[in-house]
Amino acid sequence: MAVLVAWGPIACGPAGQKPGPATQARQTDQQAPDDSQSTYVVLRLSERRLYLMDGGSRMSVESFPIAIGRRGHDTPTGRFHVEEMVEYPDYDKIDPDDRSRVLKRIPPGPGNPLGERWMTFVHGDGWTVGIHGTPQPELLGQAVSGGCIRMRNADVIRVYDRVHLGTTVIVEP
């Protein structure tokens, strides 16, 4: 069982701070993926869309509507990789005044803000951002999250089933 947590109104994953001037995200170079046979992910924040790309043709094979980070909690841009994949994640709401205290644990199910899948693609010192499902698909197309990428549960399952640990994730403005 994996438990993912959030601290206050910031990133969707483990407790901490969002990336800012003093906190750097782990990022690789900006080149296209090397493996021409692999599927990779392109997030176009301005379009509010996630594209599954075929490495061989470099063409989109599927695209999906997404919600992105709101102002002040912007989704980090750059080239990253899928670092963790979790089916039916738990979610812990952390007390912003005492990060060691869990205010509420939400098990998998319709009320879980992470939906049915979680894929970490970037993290820093005490924070994590990922792609996940949502019980609120009406918010797709908007900048409303704490930095994460929200998707319809059916869509995030399709993406989850096509990627693997190490899959390249390119986040464009």
N, C-alpha and C. Protein backbone atom coordinates (compact mmCIF):
# COMPACT_ATOMS: atom_id res chain seq x y z
N MET A 1 0.84 -1.17 0.00
CA MET A 1 0.00 0.00 0.00
C MET A 1 0.89 1.24 0.00
N ALA A 2 0.57 2.18 -0.87
CA ALA A 2 1.28 3.46 -0.89
C ALA A 2 0.36 4.54 -0.38
N VAL A 3 0.91 5.44 0.38
CA VAL A 3 0.14 6.57 0.88
C VAL A 3 0.79 7.84 0.36
N LEU A 4 0.02 8.66 -0.29
CA LEU A 4 0.51 9.94 -0.78
C LEU A 4 -0.12 11.02 0.08
N VAL A 5 0.66 12.02 0.38
CA VAL A 5 0.18 13.04 1.30
C VAL A 5 0.31 14.43 0.71
N ALA A 6 -0.41 15.37 1.28
CA ALA A 6 -0.30 16.76 0.87
C ALA A 6 -0.21 17.63 2.10
N TRP A 7 0.41 18.77 1.96
CA TRP A 7 0.58 19.70 3.06
C TRP A 7 -0.08 21.01 2.63
N GLY A 8 -1.17 21.35 3.26
CA GLY A 8 -1.85 22.60 2.93
C GLY A 8 -2.26 22.64 1.47
N PRO A 9 -2.20 23.82 0.86
CA PRO A 9 -2.68 23.98 -0.50
C PRO A 9 -1.61 23.78 -1.56
N ILE A 10 -0.59 22.97 -1.28
CA ILE A 10 0.50 22.82 -2.24
C ILE A 10 0.43 21.48 -2.95
N ALA A 11 1.52 21.07 -3.52
CA ALA A 11 1.60 19.89 -4.37
C ALA A 11 0.79 18.71 -3.85
N CYS A 12 0.48 17.80 -4.76
CA CYS A 12 -0.41 16.69 -4.46
C CYS A 12 0.26 15.58 -3.68
N GLY A 13 1.56 15.49 -3.70
CA GLY A 13 2.25 14.36 -3.10
C GLY A 13 2.79 14.65 -1.71
N PRO A 14 3.93 14.03 -1.34
CA PRO A 14 4.45 14.13 0.02
C PRO A 14 4.64 15.56 0.52
N ALA A 15 4.53 15.70 1.82
CA ALA A 15 4.53 17.00 2.49
C ALA A 15 5.77 17.82 2.17
N GLY A 16 5.59 19.12 2.07
CA GLY A 16 6.71 20.02 1.86
C GLY A 16 6.30 21.25 1.10
N GLN A 17 7.27 21.86 0.44
CA GLN A 17 7.02 23.10 -0.27
C GLN A 17 7.06 22.86 -1.77
N LYS A 18 6.35 23.69 -2.49
CA LYS A 18 6.38 23.67 -3.94
C LYS A 18 7.70 24.25 -4.42
N PRO A 19 8.09 23.92 -5.66
CA PRO A 19 9.32 24.49 -6.19
C PRO A 19 9.21 26.00 -6.28
N GLY A 20 10.25 26.66 -5.95
CA GLY A 20 10.31 28.11 -6.04
C GLY A 20 11.74 28.52 -6.25
N PRO A 21 12.05 29.79 -6.07
CA PRO A 21 13.41 30.25 -6.32
C PRO A 21 14.46 29.50 -5.52
N ALA A 22 14.12 29.08 -4.30
CA ALA A 22 15.11 28.41 -3.46
C ALA A 22 15.02 26.89 -3.54
N THR A 23 14.03 26.36 -4.23
CA THR A 23 13.82 24.92 -4.32
C THR A 23 13.86 24.51 -5.78
N GLN A 24 14.75 23.63 -6.14
CA GLN A 24 14.90 23.23 -7.53
C GLN A 24 14.28 21.86 -7.77
N ALA A 25 13.61 21.72 -8.90
CA ALA A 25 13.07 20.43 -9.31
C ALA A 25 14.18 19.60 -9.95
N ARG A 26 14.08 18.28 -9.80
CA ARG A 26 15.00 17.41 -10.52
C ARG A 26 14.53 17.37 -11.96
N GLN A 27 15.40 17.78 -12.86
CA GLN A 27 15.04 17.89 -14.26
C GLN A 27 16.19 17.40 -15.10
N THR A 28 15.87 16.76 -16.22
CA THR A 28 16.89 16.33 -17.15
C THR A 28 16.97 17.35 -18.27
N ASP A 29 17.80 17.08 -19.27
CA ASP A 29 17.95 18.05 -20.37
C ASP A 29 16.65 18.19 -21.16
N GLN A 30 16.61 19.18 -22.04
CA GLN A 30 15.39 19.50 -22.78
C GLN A 30 15.29 18.78 -24.13
N GLN A 31 16.17 17.85 -24.42
CA GLN A 31 16.14 17.15 -25.70
C GLN A 31 14.96 16.19 -25.75
N ALA A 32 14.60 15.80 -26.98
CA ALA A 32 13.55 14.80 -27.17
C ALA A 32 14.03 13.46 -26.63
N PRO A 33 13.10 12.55 -26.29
CA PRO A 33 13.51 11.25 -25.78
C PRO A 33 14.42 10.53 -26.76
N ASP A 34 15.37 9.74 -26.23
CA ASP A 34 16.34 9.02 -27.06
C ASP A 34 15.76 7.75 -27.66
N ASP A 35 14.91 7.05 -26.92
CA ASP A 35 14.40 5.76 -27.35
C ASP A 35 13.29 5.94 -28.36
N SER A 36 13.57 5.68 -29.63
CA SER A 36 12.60 5.92 -30.69
C SER A 36 11.44 4.94 -30.67
N GLN A 37 11.51 3.88 -29.87
CA GLN A 37 10.43 2.91 -29.81
C GLN A 37 9.49 3.13 -28.62
N SER A 38 9.82 4.05 -27.72
CA SER A 38 9.06 4.23 -26.49
C SER A 38 7.95 5.26 -26.62
N THR A 39 6.88 5.00 -25.90
CA THR A 39 5.84 6.01 -25.71
C THR A 39 6.37 7.03 -24.72
N TYR A 40 6.08 8.30 -24.92
CA TYR A 40 6.42 9.32 -23.94
C TYR A 40 5.25 10.28 -23.82
N VAL A 41 5.30 11.13 -22.80
CA VAL A 41 4.19 12.03 -22.47
C VAL A 41 4.63 13.47 -22.71
N VAL A 42 3.74 14.25 -23.34
CA VAL A 42 3.94 15.69 -23.48
C VAL A 42 2.74 16.38 -22.84
N LEU A 43 3.02 17.26 -21.89
CA LEU A 43 1.99 18.07 -21.25
C LEU A 43 2.11 19.48 -21.80
N ARG A 44 1.07 19.98 -22.43
CA ARG A 44 1.05 21.35 -22.95
C ARG A 44 0.12 22.15 -22.05
N LEU A 45 0.75 22.86 -21.11
CA LEU A 45 -0.03 23.56 -20.09
C LEU A 45 -0.96 24.60 -20.69
N SER A 46 -0.49 25.35 -21.69
CA SER A 46 -1.33 26.39 -22.29
C SER A 46 -2.55 25.81 -22.98
N GLU A 47 -2.45 24.59 -23.47
CA GLU A 47 -3.57 23.91 -24.12
C GLU A 47 -4.43 23.12 -23.12
N ARG A 48 -3.88 22.92 -21.90
CA ARG A 48 -4.56 22.09 -20.89
C ARG A 48 -4.81 20.69 -21.45
N ARG A 49 -3.73 20.09 -22.07
CA ARG A 49 -3.85 18.77 -22.67
C ARG A 49 -2.62 17.93 -22.37
N LEU A 50 -2.84 16.63 -22.21
CA LEU A 50 -1.77 15.65 -22.12
C LEU A 50 -1.78 14.85 -23.42
N TYR A 51 -0.60 14.69 -24.02
CA TYR A 51 -0.45 13.92 -25.25
C TYR A 51 0.40 12.69 -24.99
N LEU A 52 -0.10 11.53 -25.38
CA LEU A 52 0.71 10.32 -25.42
C LEU A 52 1.36 10.30 -26.80
N MET A 53 2.68 10.24 -26.82
CA MET A 53 3.42 10.34 -28.07
C MET A 53 4.06 9.00 -28.41
N ASP A 54 4.07 8.67 -29.69
CA ASP A 54 4.77 7.49 -30.18
C ASP A 54 6.21 7.89 -30.46
N GLY A 55 7.16 7.23 -29.79
CA GLY A 55 8.56 7.57 -29.96
C GLY A 55 9.09 7.37 -31.36
N GLY A 56 8.57 6.37 -32.06
CA GLY A 56 9.04 6.10 -33.42
C GLY A 56 8.65 7.19 -34.40
N SER A 57 7.39 7.60 -34.38
CA SER A 57 6.91 8.61 -35.33
C SER A 57 6.92 10.02 -34.75
N ARG A 58 7.07 10.12 -33.42
CA ARG A 58 6.99 11.40 -32.71
C ARG A 58 5.64 12.08 -32.94
N MET A 59 4.62 11.26 -33.18
CA MET A 59 3.26 11.75 -33.39
C MET A 59 2.41 11.40 -32.17
N SER A 60 1.39 12.22 -31.92
CA SER A 60 0.46 11.96 -30.83
C SER A 60 -0.42 10.77 -31.20
N VAL A 61 -0.54 9.83 -30.27
CA VAL A 61 -1.43 8.69 -30.49
C VAL A 61 -2.75 8.88 -29.74
N GLU A 62 -2.73 9.68 -28.67
CA GLU A 62 -3.93 10.02 -27.91
C GLU A 62 -3.69 11.33 -27.20
N SER A 63 -4.76 12.07 -26.93
CA SER A 63 -4.64 13.26 -26.10
C SER A 63 -5.85 13.35 -25.17
N PHE A 64 -5.63 14.03 -24.04
CA PHE A 64 -6.63 14.08 -22.99
C PHE A 64 -6.68 15.46 -22.37
N PRO A 65 -7.88 15.93 -21.96
CA PRO A 65 -7.97 17.20 -21.22
C PRO A 65 -7.41 17.03 -19.81
N ILE A 66 -6.81 18.10 -19.29
CA ILE A 66 -6.21 18.06 -17.96
C ILE A 66 -6.52 19.35 -17.21
N ALA A 67 -6.37 19.30 -15.89
CA ALA A 67 -6.31 20.50 -15.05
C ALA A 67 -4.85 20.64 -14.62
N ILE A 68 -4.40 21.88 -14.43
CA ILE A 68 -3.00 22.14 -14.10
C ILE A 68 -2.91 22.98 -12.83
N GLY A 69 -1.67 23.27 -12.42
CA GLY A 69 -1.43 24.06 -11.22
C GLY A 69 -1.97 25.48 -11.35
N ARG A 70 -2.57 25.95 -10.25
CA ARG A 70 -3.10 27.31 -10.22
C ARG A 70 -1.95 28.31 -10.00
N ARG A 71 -2.24 29.59 -10.17
CA ARG A 71 -1.25 30.64 -9.99
C ARG A 71 -0.64 30.54 -8.59
N GLY A 72 0.67 30.60 -8.53
CA GLY A 72 1.38 30.46 -7.27
C GLY A 72 1.70 29.02 -6.92
N HIS A 73 1.08 28.08 -7.62
CA HIS A 73 1.32 26.65 -7.45
C HIS A 73 1.48 26.04 -8.85
N ASP A 74 2.23 26.73 -9.68
CA ASP A 74 2.35 26.37 -11.09
C ASP A 74 2.97 24.99 -11.28
N THR A 75 2.49 24.27 -12.27
CA THR A 75 3.07 22.99 -12.63
C THR A 75 4.48 23.26 -13.19
N PRO A 76 5.50 22.58 -12.66
CA PRO A 76 6.86 22.81 -13.15
C PRO A 76 7.00 22.42 -14.62
N THR A 77 7.77 23.19 -15.38
CA THR A 77 8.03 22.87 -16.78
C THR A 77 9.42 22.27 -16.92
N GLY A 78 9.62 21.50 -17.96
CA GLY A 78 10.90 20.87 -18.23
C GLY A 78 10.72 19.44 -18.68
N ARG A 79 11.81 18.71 -18.65
CA ARG A 79 11.81 17.30 -19.07
C ARG A 79 12.09 16.44 -17.84
N PHE A 80 11.17 15.53 -17.54
CA PHE A 80 11.23 14.71 -16.34
C PHE A 80 11.00 13.25 -16.73
N HIS A 81 10.89 12.39 -15.73
CA HIS A 81 10.60 10.97 -15.96
C HIS A 81 9.63 10.47 -14.91
N VAL A 82 8.81 9.49 -15.28
CA VAL A 82 7.92 8.85 -14.32
C VAL A 82 8.80 8.16 -13.27
N GLU A 83 8.60 8.54 -12.00
CA GLU A 83 9.42 8.03 -10.90
C GLU A 83 8.68 7.02 -10.02
N GLU A 84 7.37 7.08 -10.02
CA GLU A 84 6.57 6.21 -9.17
C GLU A 84 5.20 6.03 -9.81
N MET A 85 4.63 4.83 -9.68
CA MET A 85 3.30 4.54 -10.20
C MET A 85 2.52 3.79 -9.13
N VAL A 86 1.31 4.28 -8.81
CA VAL A 86 0.50 3.69 -7.75
C VAL A 86 -0.94 3.53 -8.24
N GLU A 87 -1.47 2.32 -8.09
CA GLU A 87 -2.88 2.08 -8.36
C GLU A 87 -3.67 2.28 -7.07
N TYR A 88 -4.79 2.93 -7.16
CA TYR A 88 -5.69 3.16 -6.02
C TYR A 88 -4.94 3.72 -4.81
N PRO A 89 -4.34 4.91 -4.95
CA PRO A 89 -3.56 5.47 -3.85
C PRO A 89 -4.43 5.96 -2.69
N ASP A 90 -3.88 5.86 -1.48
CA ASP A 90 -4.45 6.56 -0.33
C ASP A 90 -3.97 8.01 -0.41
N TYR A 91 -4.67 8.91 0.30
CA TYR A 91 -4.29 10.31 0.35
C TYR A 91 -4.35 10.78 1.80
N ASP A 92 -3.27 11.36 2.28
CA ASP A 92 -3.23 11.91 3.63
C ASP A 92 -3.19 13.43 3.55
N LYS A 93 -4.12 14.06 4.22
CA LYS A 93 -4.13 15.52 4.36
C LYS A 93 -3.29 15.84 5.60
N ILE A 94 -2.23 16.62 5.43
CA ILE A 94 -1.29 16.93 6.50
C ILE A 94 -1.60 18.29 7.10
N ASP A 95 -1.46 18.40 8.39
CA ASP A 95 -1.65 19.66 9.12
C ASP A 95 -0.56 20.65 8.68
N PRO A 96 -0.91 21.82 8.15
CA PRO A 96 0.10 22.77 7.70
C PRO A 96 0.93 23.35 8.85
N ASP A 97 0.42 23.28 10.07
CA ASP A 97 1.15 23.79 11.23
C ASP A 97 2.04 22.74 11.89
N ASP A 98 1.76 21.46 11.61
CA ASP A 98 2.55 20.36 12.18
C ASP A 98 2.61 19.26 11.13
N ARG A 99 3.65 19.30 10.30
CA ARG A 99 3.75 18.40 9.16
C ARG A 99 3.87 16.93 9.56
N SER A 100 4.08 16.64 10.84
CA SER A 100 4.12 15.25 11.27
C SER A 100 2.72 14.72 11.60
N ARG A 101 1.72 15.60 11.58
CA ARG A 101 0.36 15.22 11.98
C ARG A 101 -0.55 15.07 10.76
N VAL A 102 -1.17 13.90 10.65
CA VAL A 102 -2.13 13.64 9.59
C VAL A 102 -3.49 14.09 10.06
N LEU A 103 -4.11 15.02 9.33
CA LEU A 103 -5.45 15.49 9.68
C LEU A 103 -6.53 14.50 9.26
N LYS A 104 -6.30 13.88 8.09
CA LYS A 104 -7.32 12.98 7.56
C LYS A 104 -6.69 12.05 6.53
N ARG A 105 -6.99 10.77 6.63
CA ARG A 105 -6.57 9.80 5.62
C ARG A 105 -7.78 9.45 4.79
N ILE A 106 -7.62 9.57 3.48
CA ILE A 106 -8.72 9.24 2.56
C ILE A 106 -8.31 7.99 1.80
N PRO A 107 -9.03 6.88 2.01
CA PRO A 107 -8.68 5.64 1.31
C PRO A 107 -9.11 5.71 -0.15
N PRO A 108 -8.67 4.76 -0.96
CA PRO A 108 -9.14 4.71 -2.34
C PRO A 108 -10.67 4.70 -2.38
N GLY A 109 -11.21 5.35 -3.38
CA GLY A 109 -12.66 5.41 -3.53
C GLY A 109 -13.09 6.73 -4.13
N PRO A 110 -14.39 6.95 -4.23
CA PRO A 110 -14.91 8.12 -4.95
C PRO A 110 -14.55 9.46 -4.33
N GLY A 111 -14.23 9.51 -3.04
CA GLY A 111 -13.88 10.78 -2.40
C GLY A 111 -12.40 11.08 -2.38
N ASN A 112 -11.57 10.18 -2.90
CA ASN A 112 -10.12 10.38 -2.88
C ASN A 112 -9.72 11.40 -3.94
N PRO A 113 -9.05 12.50 -3.56
CA PRO A 113 -8.70 13.53 -4.54
C PRO A 113 -7.68 13.08 -5.57
N LEU A 114 -7.01 11.95 -5.35
CA LEU A 114 -6.03 11.46 -6.32
C LEU A 114 -6.65 10.51 -7.34
N GLY A 115 -7.91 10.18 -7.18
CA GLY A 115 -8.56 9.29 -8.13
C GLY A 115 -7.99 7.89 -8.06
N GLU A 116 -7.95 7.21 -9.21
CA GLU A 116 -7.62 5.80 -9.25
C GLU A 116 -6.17 5.49 -9.60
N ARG A 117 -5.39 6.48 -10.03
CA ARG A 117 -3.98 6.26 -10.36
C ARG A 117 -3.16 7.49 -9.98
N TRP A 118 -1.88 7.23 -9.68
CA TRP A 118 -0.91 8.28 -9.36
C TRP A 118 0.40 7.96 -10.06
N MET A 119 1.00 8.96 -10.72
CA MET A 119 2.31 8.83 -11.35
C MET A 119 3.15 10.05 -10.98
N THR A 120 4.15 9.87 -10.12
CA THR A 120 5.07 10.95 -9.79
C THR A 120 5.95 11.21 -11.00
N PHE A 121 6.14 12.51 -11.35
CA PHE A 121 7.08 12.81 -12.42
C PHE A 121 8.11 13.87 -12.03
N VAL A 122 7.93 14.53 -10.91
CA VAL A 122 8.94 15.49 -10.46
C VAL A 122 8.80 15.67 -8.95
N HIS A 123 9.94 15.82 -8.29
CA HIS A 123 9.91 16.06 -6.85
C HIS A 123 11.13 16.87 -6.46
N GLY A 124 11.05 17.43 -5.29
CA GLY A 124 12.16 18.17 -4.72
C GLY A 124 12.22 17.87 -3.24
N ASP A 125 12.82 18.76 -2.49
CA ASP A 125 13.00 18.56 -1.06
C ASP A 125 11.66 18.70 -0.35
N GLY A 126 10.97 17.58 -0.12
CA GLY A 126 9.72 17.58 0.62
C GLY A 126 8.46 17.82 -0.18
N TRP A 127 8.52 17.84 -1.50
CA TRP A 127 7.31 18.01 -2.31
C TRP A 127 7.35 17.06 -3.51
N THR A 128 6.18 16.75 -4.01
CA THR A 128 6.04 15.84 -5.15
C THR A 128 4.90 16.33 -6.04
N VAL A 129 5.11 16.23 -7.35
CA VAL A 129 4.07 16.58 -8.32
C VAL A 129 3.89 15.37 -9.23
N GLY A 130 2.64 15.08 -9.54
CA GLY A 130 2.37 13.93 -10.38
C GLY A 130 1.13 14.11 -11.25
N ILE A 131 0.85 13.07 -11.98
CA ILE A 131 -0.34 12.97 -12.83
C ILE A 131 -1.28 12.03 -12.08
N HIS A 132 -2.53 12.45 -11.90
CA HIS A 132 -3.47 11.60 -11.16
C HIS A 132 -4.90 11.81 -11.64
N GLY A 133 -5.76 10.91 -11.21
CA GLY A 133 -7.18 11.03 -11.49
C GLY A 133 -7.81 12.09 -10.60
N THR A 134 -9.11 12.29 -10.79
CA THR A 134 -9.83 13.25 -9.96
C THR A 134 -11.30 12.85 -9.84
N PRO A 135 -11.89 13.08 -8.67
CA PRO A 135 -13.33 12.88 -8.54
C PRO A 135 -14.12 14.11 -9.03
N GLN A 136 -13.41 15.12 -9.53
CA GLN A 136 -14.04 16.36 -9.99
C GLN A 136 -13.68 16.66 -11.45
N PRO A 137 -14.14 15.85 -12.41
CA PRO A 137 -13.77 16.07 -13.81
C PRO A 137 -14.29 17.39 -14.38
N GLU A 138 -15.26 18.00 -13.71
CA GLU A 138 -15.77 19.30 -14.18
C GLU A 138 -14.70 20.39 -14.09
N LEU A 139 -13.62 20.17 -13.36
CA LEU A 139 -12.54 21.16 -13.22
C LEU A 139 -11.47 21.03 -14.30
N LEU A 140 -11.56 20.00 -15.15
CA LEU A 140 -10.58 19.85 -16.22
C LEU A 140 -10.63 21.06 -17.14
N GLY A 141 -9.46 21.43 -17.66
CA GLY A 141 -9.36 22.62 -18.50
C GLY A 141 -9.04 23.87 -17.72
N GLN A 142 -8.94 23.75 -16.40
CA GLN A 142 -8.69 24.91 -15.54
C GLN A 142 -7.35 24.78 -14.82
N ALA A 143 -6.87 25.91 -14.31
CA ALA A 143 -5.66 25.95 -13.47
C ALA A 143 -6.14 25.99 -12.03
N VAL A 144 -6.29 24.80 -11.41
CA VAL A 144 -6.91 24.71 -10.08
C VAL A 144 -6.13 23.85 -9.08
N SER A 145 -5.12 23.13 -9.53
CA SER A 145 -4.46 22.17 -8.64
C SER A 145 -3.31 22.82 -7.87
N GLY A 146 -2.72 22.03 -6.99
CA GLY A 146 -1.55 22.47 -6.24
C GLY A 146 -0.26 22.22 -7.01
N GLY A 147 -0.34 22.04 -8.32
CA GLY A 147 0.81 21.80 -9.17
C GLY A 147 0.71 20.52 -9.97
N CYS A 148 -0.13 19.61 -9.50
CA CYS A 148 -0.29 18.32 -10.18
C CYS A 148 -1.14 18.44 -11.45
N ILE A 149 -1.11 17.37 -12.21
CA ILE A 149 -1.94 17.23 -13.41
C ILE A 149 -3.11 16.33 -13.05
N ARG A 150 -4.32 16.85 -13.17
CA ARG A 150 -5.53 16.08 -12.90
C ARG A 150 -6.14 15.63 -14.22
N MET A 151 -6.67 14.39 -14.19
CA MET A 151 -7.31 13.82 -15.37
C MET A 151 -8.57 13.06 -14.96
N ARG A 152 -9.46 12.81 -15.92
CA ARG A 152 -10.57 11.90 -15.66
C ARG A 152 -9.98 10.55 -15.27
N ASN A 153 -10.64 9.84 -14.37
CA ASN A 153 -10.13 8.55 -13.94
C ASN A 153 -9.94 7.58 -15.11
N ALA A 154 -10.90 7.52 -16.02
CA ALA A 154 -10.76 6.61 -17.17
C ALA A 154 -9.56 6.99 -18.02
N ASP A 155 -9.29 8.29 -18.16
CA ASP A 155 -8.15 8.75 -18.96
C ASP A 155 -6.82 8.45 -18.28
N VAL A 156 -6.74 8.70 -16.97
CA VAL A 156 -5.47 8.45 -16.27
C VAL A 156 -5.15 6.95 -16.27
N ILE A 157 -6.16 6.11 -16.24
CA ILE A 157 -5.92 4.66 -16.34
C ILE A 157 -5.36 4.31 -17.70
N ARG A 158 -5.87 4.92 -18.77
CA ARG A 158 -5.34 4.68 -20.12
C ARG A 158 -3.87 5.08 -20.20
N VAL A 159 -3.54 6.24 -19.64
CA VAL A 159 -2.15 6.69 -19.64
C VAL A 159 -1.29 5.75 -18.81
N TYR A 160 -1.74 5.44 -17.61
CA TYR A 160 -1.02 4.55 -16.69
C TYR A 160 -0.68 3.22 -17.36
N ASP A 161 -1.63 2.70 -18.13
CA ASP A 161 -1.43 1.41 -18.80
C ASP A 161 -0.45 1.49 -19.97
N ARG A 162 -0.13 2.71 -20.45
CA ARG A 162 0.78 2.88 -21.59
C ARG A 162 2.19 3.30 -21.21
N VAL A 163 2.39 3.74 -19.95
CA VAL A 163 3.71 4.20 -19.54
C VAL A 163 4.32 3.23 -18.53
N HIS A 164 5.56 3.50 -18.14
CA HIS A 164 6.27 2.66 -17.17
C HIS A 164 7.23 3.56 -16.41
N LEU A 165 7.81 3.02 -15.35
CA LEU A 165 8.82 3.78 -14.63
C LEU A 165 9.92 4.17 -15.61
N GLY A 166 10.31 5.42 -15.58
CA GLY A 166 11.34 5.92 -16.48
C GLY A 166 10.81 6.58 -17.74
N THR A 167 9.50 6.46 -18.02
CA THR A 167 8.93 7.12 -19.19
C THR A 167 9.20 8.62 -19.12
N THR A 168 9.60 9.20 -20.23
CA THR A 168 9.86 10.63 -20.30
C THR A 168 8.55 11.41 -20.23
N VAL A 169 8.56 12.50 -19.45
CA VAL A 169 7.45 13.43 -19.34
C VAL A 169 7.99 14.82 -19.66
N ILE A 170 7.53 15.40 -20.75
CA ILE A 170 7.95 16.73 -21.16
C ILE A 170 6.82 17.69 -20.84
N VAL A 171 7.09 18.70 -20.02
CA VAL A 171 6.07 19.68 -19.63
C VAL A 171 6.42 21.00 -20.31
N GLU A 172 5.55 21.43 -21.23
CA GLU A 172 5.74 22.67 -21.97
C GLU A 172 4.81 23.74 -21.41
N PRO A 173 5.27 25.00 -21.44
CA PRO A 173 4.38 26.10 -20.95
C PRO A 173 3.06 26.15 -21.69
